[in-house]
Amino acid sequence: MKIFKVFIIVSLLSFTLYPQIVSAIGLEVAVGIWNQDPQGDIAYKGTFLSLEDDMKYGDETRVFGRAKIDMPLMIPNIYLMATPMKFDGAGSKDINFKFGDKTFTGNVPFTSEVKLDHYDVAFYYGLPFVKTLTAGKLDVEVGLNIRVIDLNVEIQQTSTSMQESKDSTLPIPMVYLGAQINPVEKLSIEAEIRGIAYSSNHYYDLIGRAKYKLFGPAFIAAGYRYEDMKIDEDDVDADIRFSGPFAEVGVKF
């Protein structure tokens, strides 16, 4: 997991600090904030706990970053994205519940934390005939996205001295589809879809973005992001969703 994080950080720094590299390719880098509204249920070898009703989680605003690198010739383009995600709170459940190998007492307060940081690397190609046929007004991208989720779930019930946690690293391959519409010179409307479905599991990540060019390479953007995850992996069973608006600032060369 650390190697994956280092790869993304080094890649971002390399393309930001070396203008000669940027001049040979295309580069877009953005940093933003996302207001994340959690919904759904999660379990670890036991009872499902509601993020809203049992764990008492609310909206959290987190910083995220992304970089798109347009490579020359037939080399696939690269899309890097890092999305921190963490929720914590004090809650209770009206019945005894099992989490991992521990049984917690009902109607007794507990504290919990769920971390779902995820890191993406996508390799994709643009469809040149679409851009040509639309005179540059529409661009479509297709590729493969690898998402790595750094999962940590922890529950502590102080009055009963009970504590349990689960750490897991989940690599998830996903299809990547992207589209950009350029109705006027400085404005673009963008959509991104990352997703996979297998057995009874699925994971979809949908992003809609409006981007406005300010001056030179600088731009601002705003949009909405929605994630829907239903997984049963490594003893963790989750049916959860995260959604909310976001805003970005960035540069595009």
C-alpha atoms as a PDB file:
ATOM      1  CA  MET A   1       0.000   0.000   0.000  1.00  0.00           C
ATOM      2  CA  LYS A   2       2.817   2.424   0.859  1.00  0.00           C
ATOM      3  CA  ILE A   3       4.495   1.688  -2.484  1.00  0.00           C
ATOM      4  CA  PHE A   4       1.250   2.540  -4.269  1.00  0.00           C
ATOM      5  CA  LYS A   5       0.975   5.871  -2.423  1.00  0.00           C
ATOM      6  CA  VAL A   6       4.614   6.721  -3.126  1.00  0.00           C
ATOM      7  CA  PHE A   7       4.100   5.940  -6.833  1.00  0.00           C
ATOM      8  CA  ILE A   8       1.244   8.432  -7.081  1.00  0.00           C
ATOM      9  CA  ILE A   9       3.065  11.160  -5.122  1.00  0.00           C
ATOM     10  CA  VAL A  10       6.313  10.778  -7.072  1.00  0.00           C
ATOM     11  CA  SER A  11       4.425  10.784 -10.373  1.00  0.00           C
ATOM     12  CA  LEU A  12       2.586  13.993  -9.483  1.00  0.00           C
ATOM     13  CA  LEU A  13       5.771  15.734  -8.345  1.00  0.00           C
ATOM     14  CA  SER A  14       7.766  14.583 -11.361  1.00  0.00           C
ATOM     15  CA  PHE A  15       5.341  16.011 -13.878  1.00  0.00           C
ATOM     16  CA  THR A  16       4.839  19.199 -11.862  1.00  0.00           C
ATOM     17  CA  LEU A  17       8.516  19.977 -11.292  1.00  0.00           C
ATOM     18  CA  TYR A  18       9.901  19.201 -14.740  1.00  0.00           C
ATOM     19  CA  PRO A  19       8.477  21.558 -17.401  1.00  0.00           C
ATOM     20  CA  GLN A  20      10.346  19.794 -20.201  1.00  0.00           C
ATOM     21  CA  ILE A  21       8.301  16.663 -19.513  1.00  0.00           C
ATOM     22  CA  VAL A  22       5.069  18.665 -19.547  1.00  0.00           C
ATOM     23  CA  SER A  23       5.982  20.228 -22.903  1.00  0.00           C
ATOM     24  CA  ALA A  24       6.309  16.785 -24.487  1.00  0.00           C
ATOM     25  CA  ILE A  25       2.944  15.532 -23.244  1.00  0.00           C
ATOM     26  CA  GLY A  26      -0.356  16.876 -21.944  1.00  0.00           C
ATOM     27  CA  LEU A  27      -0.910  17.332 -18.224  1.00  0.00           C
ATOM     28  CA  GLU A  28      -3.863  18.276 -16.031  1.00  0.00           C
ATOM     29  CA  VAL A  29      -3.477  18.532 -12.238  1.00  0.00           C
ATOM     30  CA  ALA A  30      -6.231  19.498  -9.797  1.00  0.00           C
ATOM     31  CA  VAL A  31      -6.770  19.675  -6.046  1.00  0.00           C
ATOM     32  CA  GLY A  32     -10.216  19.941  -4.527  1.00  0.00           C
ATOM     33  CA  ILE A  33     -12.533  19.391  -1.585  1.00  0.00           C
ATOM     34  CA  TRP A  34     -15.409  16.893  -1.539  1.00  0.00           C
ATOM     35  CA  ASN A  35     -18.309  16.971   0.929  1.00  0.00           C
ATOM     36  CA  GLN A  36     -18.885  13.255   1.621  1.00  0.00           C
ATOM     37  CA  ASP A  37     -22.315  12.142   2.886  1.00  0.00           C
ATOM     38  CA  PRO A  38     -22.201   8.495   4.115  1.00  0.00           C
ATOM     39  CA  GLN A  39     -25.117   6.051   3.940  1.00  0.00           C
ATOM     40  CA  GLY A  40     -25.529   2.290   4.290  1.00  0.00           C
ATOM     41  CA  ASP A  41     -24.386  -0.599   6.467  1.00  0.00           C
ATOM     42  CA  ILE A  42     -21.123  -2.382   7.250  1.00  0.00           C
ATOM     43  CA  ALA A  43     -20.269  -5.628   9.072  1.00  0.00           C
ATOM     44  CA  TYR A  44     -17.124  -7.504  10.024  1.00  0.00           C
ATOM     45  CA  LYS A  45     -17.828 -11.195  10.662  1.00  0.00           C
ATOM     46  CA  GLY A  46     -21.044 -10.307  12.446  1.00  0.00           C
ATOM     47  CA  THR A  47     -23.877  -7.809  12.808  1.00  0.00           C
ATOM     48  CA  PHE A  48     -24.571  -5.078  10.268  1.00  0.00           C
ATOM     49  CA  LEU A  49     -24.136  -1.571  11.652  1.00  0.00           C
ATOM     50  CA  SER A  50     -25.794   1.454  10.068  1.00  0.00           C
ATOM     51  CA  LEU A  51     -23.389   4.293   9.323  1.00  0.00           C
ATOM     52  CA  GLU A  52     -26.094   6.859  10.073  1.00  0.00           C
ATOM     53  CA  ASP A  53     -28.295   5.279  12.768  1.00  0.00           C
ATOM     54  CA  ASP A  54     -25.829   3.166  14.785  1.00  0.00           C
ATOM     55  CA  MET A  55     -22.460   4.820  14.191  1.00  0.00           C
ATOM     56  CA  LYS A  56     -23.971   8.318  13.958  1.00  0.00           C
ATOM     57  CA  TYR A  57     -21.779   9.453  11.071  1.00  0.00           C
ATOM     58  CA  GLY A  58     -22.420  12.739   9.315  1.00  0.00           C
ATOM     59  CA  ASP A  59     -20.981  14.686   6.394  1.00  0.00           C
ATOM     60  CA  GLU A  60     -17.217  15.110   6.208  1.00  0.00           C
ATOM     61  CA  THR A  61     -15.247  17.373   3.865  1.00  0.00           C
ATOM     62  CA  ARG A  62     -11.954  15.950   2.614  1.00  0.00           C
ATOM     63  CA  VAL A  63      -9.227  17.142   0.258  1.00  0.00           C
ATOM     64  CA  PHE A  64      -8.555  15.052  -2.858  1.00  0.00           C
ATOM     65  CA  GLY A  65      -6.189  15.283  -5.813  1.00  0.00           C
ATOM     66  CA  ARG A  66      -5.975  14.026  -9.366  1.00  0.00           C
ATOM     67  CA  ALA A  67      -3.681  14.175 -12.401  1.00  0.00           C
ATOM     68  CA  LYS A  68      -4.276  13.250 -16.054  1.00  0.00           C
ATOM     69  CA  ILE A  69      -1.231  12.604 -18.221  1.00  0.00           C
ATOM     70  CA  ASP A  70      -1.686  12.467 -22.004  1.00  0.00           C
ATOM     71  CA  MET A  71       1.096  10.282 -23.357  1.00  0.00           C
ATOM     72  CA  PRO A  72       2.514  10.461 -26.908  1.00  0.00           C
ATOM     73  CA  LEU A  73       2.072   7.949 -29.724  1.00  0.00           C
ATOM     74  CA  MET A  74       0.422   4.640 -28.764  1.00  0.00           C
ATOM     75  CA  ILE A  75       1.383   4.764 -25.086  1.00  0.00           C
ATOM     76  CA  PRO A  76      -1.778   4.670 -22.935  1.00  0.00           C
ATOM     77  CA  ASN A  77      -2.693   7.844 -21.112  1.00  0.00           C
ATOM     78  CA  ILE A  78      -2.567   7.799 -17.311  1.00  0.00           C
ATOM     79  CA  TYR A  79      -5.113   9.079 -14.793  1.00  0.00           C
ATOM     80  CA  LEU A  80      -4.059   9.243 -11.117  1.00  0.00           C
ATOM     81  CA  MET A  81      -6.437  10.062  -8.285  1.00  0.00           C
ATOM     82  CA  ALA A  82      -6.198  10.019  -4.476  1.00  0.00           C
ATOM     83  CA  THR A  83      -9.377  10.237  -2.374  1.00  0.00           C
ATOM     84  CA  PRO A  84      -9.015  10.306   1.427  1.00  0.00           C
ATOM     85  CA  MET A  85     -12.157   9.232   3.285  1.00  0.00           C
ATOM     86  CA  LYS A  86     -12.629   8.921   7.052  1.00  0.00           C
ATOM     87  CA  PHE A  87     -15.623   9.025   9.386  1.00  0.00           C
ATOM     88  CA  ASP A  88     -15.840   8.778  13.156  1.00  0.00           C
ATOM     89  CA  GLY A  89     -18.463   9.227  15.824  1.00  0.00           C
ATOM     90  CA  ALA A  90     -20.058   8.073  19.063  1.00  0.00           C
ATOM     91  CA  GLY A  91     -23.090   5.828  18.708  1.00  0.00           C
ATOM     92  CA  SER A  92     -25.016   2.923  20.170  1.00  0.00           C
ATOM     93  CA  LYS A  93     -27.138  -0.047  19.105  1.00  0.00           C
ATOM     94  CA  ASP A  94     -30.266  -1.265  20.892  1.00  0.00           C
ATOM     95  CA  ILE A  95     -29.193  -4.934  20.846  1.00  0.00           C
ATOM     96  CA  ASN A  96     -25.983  -6.833  21.520  1.00  0.00           C
ATOM     97  CA  PHE A  97     -23.923  -6.986  18.340  1.00  0.00           C
ATOM     98  CA  LYS A  98     -20.919  -8.869  17.079  1.00  0.00           C
ATOM     99  CA  PHE A  99     -18.013  -7.158  15.359  1.00  0.00           C
ATOM    100  CA  GLY A 100     -15.114  -9.400  14.433  1.00  0.00           C
ATOM    101  CA  ASP A 101     -14.508 -11.855  17.245  1.00  0.00           C
ATOM    102  CA  LYS A 102     -16.011  -9.610  19.942  1.00  0.00           C
ATOM    103  CA  THR A 103     -19.587  -9.185  21.163  1.00  0.00           C
ATOM    104  CA  PHE A 104     -20.518  -5.658  22.223  1.00  0.00           C
ATOM    105  CA  THR A 105     -23.278  -4.806  24.692  1.00  0.00           C
ATOM    106  CA  GLY A 106     -26.487  -3.222  23.416  1.00  0.00           C
ATOM    107  CA  ASN A 107     -27.679   0.199  24.612  1.00  0.00           C
ATOM    108  CA  VAL A 108     -24.130   1.030  25.719  1.00  0.00           C
ATOM    109  CA  PRO A 109     -22.315   3.878  23.908  1.00  0.00           C
ATOM    110  CA  PHE A 110     -19.355   3.059  21.671  1.00  0.00           C
ATOM    111  CA  THR A 111     -16.985   5.051  19.503  1.00  0.00           C
ATOM    112  CA  SER A 112     -16.007   4.008  15.994  1.00  0.00           C
ATOM    113  CA  GLU A 113     -13.919   5.027  13.018  1.00  0.00           C
ATOM    114  CA  VAL A 114     -14.144   3.927   9.392  1.00  0.00           C
ATOM    115  CA  LYS A 115     -11.377   4.838   6.952  1.00  0.00           C
ATOM    116  CA  LEU A 116     -11.772   4.101   3.248  1.00  0.00           C
ATOM    117  CA  ASP A 117      -8.924   5.975   1.560  1.00  0.00           C
ATOM    118  CA  HIS A 118      -8.719   5.000  -2.090  1.00  0.00           C
ATOM    119  CA  TYR A 119      -6.086   5.438  -4.761  1.00  0.00           C
ATOM    120  CA  ASP A 120      -6.660   5.079  -8.501  1.00  0.00           C
ATOM    121  CA  VAL A 121      -4.463   4.494 -11.509  1.00  0.00           C
ATOM    122  CA  ALA A 122      -6.248   4.337 -14.858  1.00  0.00           C
ATOM    123  CA  PHE A 123      -4.720   3.524 -18.238  1.00  0.00           C
ATOM    124  CA  TYR A 124      -6.911   4.790 -21.044  1.00  0.00           C
ATOM    125  CA  TYR A 125      -7.131   5.836 -24.679  1.00  0.00           C
ATOM    126  CA  GLY A 126      -9.143   8.611 -26.256  1.00  0.00           C
ATOM    127  CA  LEU A 127     -11.347   7.715 -29.224  1.00  0.00           C
ATOM    128  CA  PRO A 128      -9.899   9.989 -31.945  1.00  0.00           C
ATOM    129  CA  PHE A 129     -12.694   9.471 -34.466  1.00  0.00           C
ATOM    130  CA  VAL A 130     -15.253  10.914 -32.002  1.00  0.00           C
ATOM    131  CA  LYS A 131     -13.233  14.089 -31.551  1.00  0.00           C
ATOM    132  CA  THR A 132     -12.709  14.386 -35.302  1.00  0.00           C
ATOM    133  CA  LEU A 133     -16.377  13.847 -36.172  1.00  0.00           C
ATOM    134  CA  THR A 134     -17.501  16.457 -33.634  1.00  0.00           C
ATOM    135  CA  ALA A 135     -14.860  19.045 -34.606  1.00  0.00           C
ATOM    136  CA  GLY A 136     -13.312  18.847 -31.146  1.00  0.00           C
ATOM    137  CA  LYS A 137     -16.580  19.415 -29.268  1.00  0.00           C
ATOM    138  CA  LEU A 138     -16.746  15.892 -27.791  1.00  0.00           C
ATOM    139  CA  ASP A 139     -13.991  13.640 -26.481  1.00  0.00           C
ATOM    140  CA  VAL A 140     -14.536  10.078 -25.208  1.00  0.00           C
ATOM    141  CA  GLU A 141     -12.057   8.002 -23.159  1.00  0.00           C
ATOM    142  CA  VAL A 142     -12.051   4.248 -22.467  1.00  0.00           C
ATOM    143  CA  GLY A 143      -9.688   2.283 -20.249  1.00  0.00           C
ATOM    144  CA  LEU A 144      -8.922   0.150 -17.211  1.00  0.00           C
ATOM    145  CA  ASN A 145      -8.825   1.590 -13.679  1.00  0.00           C
ATOM    146  CA  ILE A 146      -7.109  -0.064 -10.732  1.00  0.00           C
ATOM    147  CA  ARG A 147      -8.446   1.153  -7.385  1.00  0.00           C
ATOM    148  CA  VAL A 148      -6.728   0.247  -4.127  1.00  0.00           C
ATOM    149  CA  ILE A 149      -8.784   0.773  -0.964  1.00  0.00           C
ATOM    150  CA  ASP A 150      -6.949   1.235   2.330  1.00  0.00           C
ATOM    151  CA  LEU A 151      -9.672   0.016   4.712  1.00  0.00           C
ATOM    152  CA  ASN A 152      -9.638   0.379   8.484  1.00  0.00           C
ATOM    153  CA  VAL A 153     -12.648  -0.130  10.765  1.00  0.00           C
ATOM    154  CA  GLU A 154     -12.398   0.211  14.540  1.00  0.00           C
ATOM    155  CA  ILE A 155     -14.964   0.022  17.368  1.00  0.00           C
ATOM    156  CA  GLN A 156     -14.292   0.711  21.036  1.00  0.00           C
ATOM    157  CA  GLN A 157     -16.710   0.391  23.967  1.00  0.00           C
ATOM    158  CA  THR A 158     -14.933   1.963  26.917  1.00  0.00           C
ATOM    159  CA  SER A 159     -17.365   0.986  29.687  1.00  0.00           C
ATOM    160  CA  THR A 160     -17.098  -2.717  28.801  1.00  0.00           C
ATOM    161  CA  SER A 161     -13.389  -2.592  27.843  1.00  0.00           C
ATOM    162  CA  MET A 162     -14.228  -4.083  24.449  1.00  0.00           C
ATOM    163  CA  GLN A 163     -12.303  -3.134  21.334  1.00  0.00           C
ATOM    164  CA  GLU A 164     -11.978  -4.640  17.858  1.00  0.00           C
ATOM    165  CA  SER A 165     -10.528  -3.472  14.561  1.00  0.00           C
ATOM    166  CA  LYS A 166     -10.045  -4.628  10.994  1.00  0.00           C
ATOM    167  CA  ASP A 167      -7.393  -3.531   8.495  1.00  0.00           C
ATOM    168  CA  SER A 168      -7.448  -4.607   4.877  1.00  0.00           C
ATOM    169  CA  THR A 169      -6.059  -3.554   1.509  1.00  0.00           C
ATOM    170  CA  LEU A 170      -8.489  -4.230  -1.332  1.00  0.00           C
ATOM    171  CA  PRO A 171      -7.332  -3.950  -4.971  1.00  0.00           C
ATOM    172  CA  ILE A 172     -10.332  -3.550  -7.282  1.00  0.00           C
ATOM    173  CA  PRO A 173     -10.117  -3.522 -11.108  1.00  0.00           C
ATOM    174  CA  MET A 174     -12.717  -1.284 -12.742  1.00  0.00           C
ATOM    175  CA  VAL A 175     -13.742  -0.140 -16.195  1.00  0.00           C
ATOM    176  CA  TYR A 176     -13.080   3.552 -16.830  1.00  0.00           C
ATOM    177  CA  LEU A 177     -15.213   5.693 -19.161  1.00  0.00           C
ATOM    178  CA  GLY A 178     -14.829   9.433 -19.555  1.00  0.00           C
ATOM    179  CA  ALA A 179     -16.392  12.127 -21.716  1.00  0.00           C
ATOM    180  CA  GLN A 180     -15.789  15.853 -22.177  1.00  0.00           C
ATOM    181  CA  ILE A 181     -18.111  18.241 -23.996  1.00  0.00           C
ATOM    182  CA  ASN A 182     -16.784  21.674 -24.975  1.00  0.00           C
ATOM    183  CA  PRO A 183     -19.805  23.847 -25.888  1.00  0.00           C
ATOM    184  CA  VAL A 184     -17.816  27.107 -25.785  1.00  0.00           C
ATOM    185  CA  GLU A 185     -14.141  27.989 -25.674  1.00  0.00           C
ATOM    186  CA  LYS A 186     -13.616  28.305 -21.900  1.00  0.00           C
ATOM    187  CA  LEU A 187     -16.262  25.920 -20.594  1.00  0.00           C
ATOM    188  CA  SER A 188     -16.274  22.121 -20.549  1.00  0.00           C
ATOM    189  CA  ILE A 189     -18.757  19.620 -19.124  1.00  0.00           C
ATOM    190  CA  GLU A 190     -17.206  16.325 -18.038  1.00  0.00           C
ATOM    191  CA  ALA A 191     -18.397  12.922 -16.858  1.00  0.00           C
ATOM    192  CA  GLU A 192     -16.419   9.988 -15.469  1.00  0.00           C
ATOM    193  CA  ILE A 193     -17.603   6.473 -14.684  1.00  0.00           C
ATOM    194  CA  ARG A 194     -15.580   3.813 -12.901  1.00  0.00           C
ATOM    195  CA  GLY A 195     -17.285   0.537 -12.163  1.00  0.00           C
ATOM    196  CA  ILE A 196     -17.326  -3.221 -11.802  1.00  0.00           C
ATOM    197  CA  ALA A 197     -19.975  -5.851 -10.999  1.00  0.00           C
ATOM    198  CA  TYR A 198     -19.312  -9.507 -10.186  1.00  0.00           C
ATOM    199  CA  SER A 199     -21.259 -12.185  -8.292  1.00  0.00           C
ATOM    200  CA  SER A 200     -23.337 -10.212  -5.775  1.00  0.00           C
ATOM    201  CA  ASN A 201     -20.755  -7.436  -5.521  1.00  0.00           C
ATOM    202  CA  HIS A 202     -20.582  -4.108  -7.306  1.00  0.00           C
ATOM    203  CA  TYR A 203     -18.709  -0.828  -7.075  1.00  0.00           C
ATOM    204  CA  TYR A 204     -19.648   2.279  -9.061  1.00  0.00           C
ATOM    205  CA  ASP A 205     -18.034   5.712  -8.898  1.00  0.00           C
ATOM    206  CA  LEU A 206     -19.752   8.481 -10.891  1.00  0.00           C
ATOM    207  CA  ILE A 207     -18.387  12.013 -11.304  1.00  0.00           C
ATOM    208  CA  GLY A 208     -19.957  14.989 -13.064  1.00  0.00           C
ATOM    209  CA  ARG A 209     -17.923  18.175 -13.443  1.00  0.00           C
ATOM    210  CA  ALA A 210     -18.270  21.661 -14.969  1.00  0.00           C
ATOM    211  CA  LYS A 211     -14.882  23.258 -15.630  1.00  0.00           C
ATOM    212  CA  TYR A 212     -14.160  26.891 -16.466  1.00  0.00           C
ATOM    213  CA  LYS A 213     -10.828  28.167 -17.785  1.00  0.00           C
ATOM    214  CA  LEU A 214      -9.685  31.303 -15.956  1.00  0.00           C
ATOM    215  CA  PHE A 215      -6.413  32.425 -17.555  1.00  0.00           C
ATOM    216  CA  GLY A 216      -3.382  30.677 -18.987  1.00  0.00           C
ATOM    217  CA  PRO A 217      -3.438  27.053 -17.812  1.00  0.00           C
ATOM    218  CA  ALA A 218      -5.530  27.766 -14.667  1.00  0.00           C
ATOM    219  CA  PHE A 219      -9.109  26.562 -14.208  1.00  0.00           C
ATOM    220  CA  ILE A 220     -11.784  26.154 -11.563  1.00  0.00           C
ATOM    221  CA  ALA A 221     -14.357  23.366 -11.459  1.00  0.00           C
ATOM    222  CA  ALA A 222     -17.370  22.194  -9.495  1.00  0.00           C
ATOM    223  CA  GLY A 223     -19.444  19.054  -9.626  1.00  0.00           C
ATOM    224  CA  TYR A 224     -21.032  16.088  -7.882  1.00  0.00           C
ATOM    225  CA  ARG A 225     -19.630  12.675  -7.017  1.00  0.00           C
ATOM    226  CA  TYR A 226     -21.518   9.484  -6.124  1.00  0.00           C
ATOM    227  CA  GLU A 227     -20.047   6.154  -5.000  1.00  0.00           C
ATOM    228  CA  ASP A 228     -22.049   2.933  -4.522  1.00  0.00           C
ATOM    229  CA  MET A 229     -20.153  -0.014  -3.027  1.00  0.00           C
ATOM    230  CA  LYS A 230     -21.514  -3.480  -2.243  1.00  0.00           C
ATOM    231  CA  ILE A 231     -18.687  -5.866  -1.383  1.00  0.00           C
ATOM    232  CA  ASP A 232     -18.089  -9.023   0.616  1.00  0.00           C
ATOM    233  CA  GLU A 233     -14.311  -9.368   0.805  1.00  0.00           C
ATOM    234  CA  ASP A 234     -11.843 -10.420   3.515  1.00  0.00           C
ATOM    235  CA  ASP A 235     -14.642 -10.928   6.107  1.00  0.00           C
ATOM    236  CA  VAL A 236     -15.915  -7.376   5.521  1.00  0.00           C
ATOM    237  CA  ASP A 237     -19.479  -7.071   4.218  1.00  0.00           C
ATOM    238  CA  ALA A 238     -20.470  -3.564   3.164  1.00  0.00           C
ATOM    239  CA  ASP A 239     -23.402  -1.992   1.348  1.00  0.00           C
ATOM    240  CA  ILE A 240     -22.524   1.700   1.483  1.00  0.00           C
ATOM    241  CA  ARG A 241     -22.814   4.896  -0.517  1.00  0.00           C
ATOM    242  CA  PHE A 242     -21.018   8.233  -0.443  1.00  0.00           C
ATOM    243  CA  SER A 243     -22.172  11.326  -2.297  1.00  0.00           C
ATOM    244  CA  GLY A 244     -21.901  15.072  -2.354  1.00  0.00           C
ATOM    245  CA  PRO A 245     -20.706  18.183  -4.186  1.00  0.00           C
ATOM    246  CA  PHE A 246     -17.066  19.067  -4.779  1.00  0.00           C
ATOM    247  CA  ALA A 247     -14.969  21.991  -5.990  1.00  0.00           C
ATOM    248  CA  GLU A 248     -11.524  22.073  -7.628  1.00  0.00           C
ATOM    249  CA  VAL A 249      -8.735  24.365  -8.729  1.00  0.00           C
ATOM    250  CA  GLY A 250      -6.117  23.207 -11.190  1.00  0.00           C
ATOM    251  CA  VAL A 251      -3.937  23.721 -14.223  1.00  0.00           C
ATOM    252  CA  LYS A 252      -4.003  22.143 -17.667  1.00  0.00           C
ATOM    253  CA  PHE A 253      -1.090  22.242 -20.117  1.00  0.00           C
END
